[in-house]
N, C-alpha and C. Protein backbone atom coordinates (compact mmCIF):
# COMPACT_ATOMS: atom_id res chain seq x y z
N MET A 1 -151.52 158.50 46.72
CA MET A 1 -152.39 159.83 47.52
C MET A 1 -153.25 158.89 48.55
N GLN A 2 -153.65 157.98 48.26
CA GLN A 2 -155.03 157.54 48.82
C GLN A 2 -154.50 156.36 50.31
N LEU A 3 -153.08 156.07 50.34
CA LEU A 3 -152.55 155.61 51.13
C LEU A 3 -152.30 156.91 52.40
N ARG A 4 -151.68 157.54 51.81
CA ARG A 4 -151.59 158.93 52.88
C ARG A 4 -153.22 159.65 53.48
N PHE A 5 -154.36 159.34 53.32
CA PHE A 5 -155.31 159.47 54.17
C PHE A 5 -155.48 158.24 55.02
N PHE A 6 -155.35 157.16 54.77
CA PHE A 6 -155.53 156.56 55.55
C PHE A 6 -154.58 156.13 56.98
N TYR A 7 -152.66 156.85 56.33
CA TYR A 7 -152.19 156.74 57.55
C TYR A 7 -152.69 157.73 58.71
N ILE A 8 -153.36 159.03 57.88
CA ILE A 8 -153.80 160.21 58.48
C ILE A 8 -154.88 159.79 59.63
N ILE A 9 -156.10 159.04 59.05
CA ILE A 9 -157.03 158.59 59.59
C ILE A 9 -156.74 157.66 60.72
N GLU A 10 -155.51 157.02 60.84
CA GLU A 10 -154.81 155.86 61.31
C GLU A 10 -154.20 156.75 62.68
N GLY A 11 -153.88 157.93 62.42
CA GLY A 11 -153.56 158.79 63.62
C GLY A 11 -151.82 158.33 63.35
N ASN A 12 -151.23 158.40 62.24
CA ASN A 12 -149.75 158.43 62.59
C ASN A 12 -149.37 159.56 62.38
N GLU A 13 -148.86 160.01 63.70
CA GLU A 13 -148.82 161.57 63.96
C GLU A 13 -146.92 162.19 62.88
N ASN A 14 -146.15 161.35 62.83
CA ASN A 14 -144.95 161.36 62.25
C ASN A 14 -145.27 161.67 60.78
N VAL A 15 -145.85 161.12 59.83
CA VAL A 15 -146.57 161.16 58.91
C VAL A 15 -147.05 162.65 58.70
N LEU A 16 -147.86 162.93 59.66
CA LEU A 16 -148.98 164.26 59.75
C LEU A 16 -147.84 165.25 59.83
N LEU A 17 -147.01 165.02 60.80
CA LEU A 17 -146.09 166.24 61.30
C LEU A 17 -145.22 166.85 59.88
N GLU A 18 -144.87 165.41 59.42
CA GLU A 18 -144.24 165.86 58.17
C GLU A 18 -144.45 165.87 57.07
N THR A 19 -146.20 166.07 57.02
CA THR A 19 -146.80 166.64 55.93
C THR A 19 -146.88 168.20 56.32
N VAL A 20 -147.22 168.54 57.61
CA VAL A 20 -147.07 169.86 57.86
C VAL A 20 -146.12 170.19 57.71
N ARG A 21 -144.53 169.94 57.96
CA ARG A 21 -143.66 170.71 57.52
C ARG A 21 -142.85 170.97 56.44
N LYS A 22 -143.60 169.80 55.28
CA LYS A 22 -143.29 169.85 53.71
C LYS A 22 -143.82 171.13 53.09
N SER A 23 -145.68 171.59 53.34
CA SER A 23 -146.45 172.01 52.91
C SER A 23 -147.18 172.98 53.89
N GLY A 24 -147.00 173.18 54.80
CA GLY A 24 -147.95 174.37 55.88
C GLY A 24 -148.96 173.79 56.35
N PHE A 25 -149.40 174.84 57.06
CA PHE A 25 -150.80 174.41 57.96
C PHE A 25 -151.67 174.09 56.85
N SER A 26 -152.10 175.18 55.90
CA SER A 26 -153.14 175.38 55.10
C SER A 26 -153.24 174.01 54.39
N TYR A 27 -152.41 173.12 54.01
CA TYR A 27 -152.23 172.10 53.42
C TYR A 27 -152.81 170.88 54.36
N TYR A 28 -152.40 170.61 55.52
CA TYR A 28 -152.56 169.98 56.77
C TYR A 28 -154.21 170.28 57.17
N HIS A 29 -154.57 171.65 57.14
CA HIS A 29 -156.14 171.67 57.45
C HIS A 29 -157.11 170.97 56.17
N VAL A 30 -156.48 171.35 55.06
CA VAL A 30 -157.36 170.53 53.96
C VAL A 30 -156.87 168.83 54.15
N VAL A 31 -156.10 168.61 54.30
CA VAL A 31 -156.13 167.02 54.69
C VAL A 31 -157.06 166.50 55.79
N LYS A 32 -157.05 167.12 56.78
CA LYS A 32 -157.58 166.64 57.93
C LYS A 32 -158.86 166.53 57.68
N VAL A 33 -159.71 168.03 56.76
CA VAL A 33 -160.62 167.70 56.63
C VAL A 33 -161.38 166.57 55.30
N SER A 34 -160.46 166.80 54.53
CA SER A 34 -160.84 165.45 53.39
C SER A 34 -160.75 164.50 54.19
N SER A 35 -159.83 163.97 55.18
CA SER A 35 -159.54 162.93 55.50
C SER A 35 -160.78 162.51 56.32
N ARG A 36 -161.38 163.18 56.83
CA ARG A 36 -162.68 163.24 58.20
C ARG A 36 -163.75 162.64 57.32
N ILE A 37 -163.56 163.73 55.92
CA ILE A 37 -164.58 163.47 55.19
C ILE A 37 -164.99 161.95 54.36
N VAL A 38 -164.10 161.57 54.17
CA VAL A 38 -163.19 160.28 53.54
C VAL A 38 -163.96 158.89 54.53
N HIS A 39 -163.50 159.44 55.72
CA HIS A 39 -163.56 158.27 56.91
C HIS A 39 -165.24 158.23 57.10
N SER A 40 -166.05 159.23 57.13
CA SER A 40 -167.67 159.11 57.25
C SER A 40 -168.01 158.75 56.34
N ILE A 41 -167.67 159.40 55.03
CA ILE A 41 -168.20 158.12 53.76
C ILE A 41 -168.09 156.59 53.86
N PHE A 42 -166.50 156.62 54.06
CA PHE A 42 -166.59 154.94 54.15
C PHE A 42 -167.75 153.88 55.58
N MET A 43 -167.06 155.05 56.80
CA MET A 43 -168.39 154.16 57.79
C MET A 43 -169.65 154.33 57.15
N CYS A 44 -170.35 154.91 56.34
CA CYS A 44 -171.22 155.16 55.88
C CYS A 44 -171.82 153.96 54.97
N PHE A 45 -170.55 153.98 54.02
CA PHE A 45 -170.51 152.58 53.32
C PHE A 45 -170.83 151.25 54.21
N CYS A 46 -170.08 151.37 55.49
CA CYS A 46 -170.05 149.81 56.15
C CYS A 46 -171.14 149.84 56.60
N TYR A 47 -172.02 150.80 57.37
CA TYR A 47 -173.31 150.85 57.62
C TYR A 47 -174.02 150.33 56.92
N ASN A 48 -174.25 151.00 55.73
CA ASN A 48 -175.16 150.52 54.64
C ASN A 48 -175.39 148.82 54.38
N MET A 49 -173.76 148.49 54.39
CA MET A 49 -173.84 147.07 53.96
C MET A 49 -174.48 146.12 55.13
């Protein structure tokens, strides 16, 4: 599950489109928001180091 977030953060459109097709738009939206939050936390963590 963790790897899928990193693929989306990296902008892997094939994985993203496949996720949309399998699970529908609402799941895509949740993943998109979640990945943005994870990315923000990761950036804050790096900045504080």
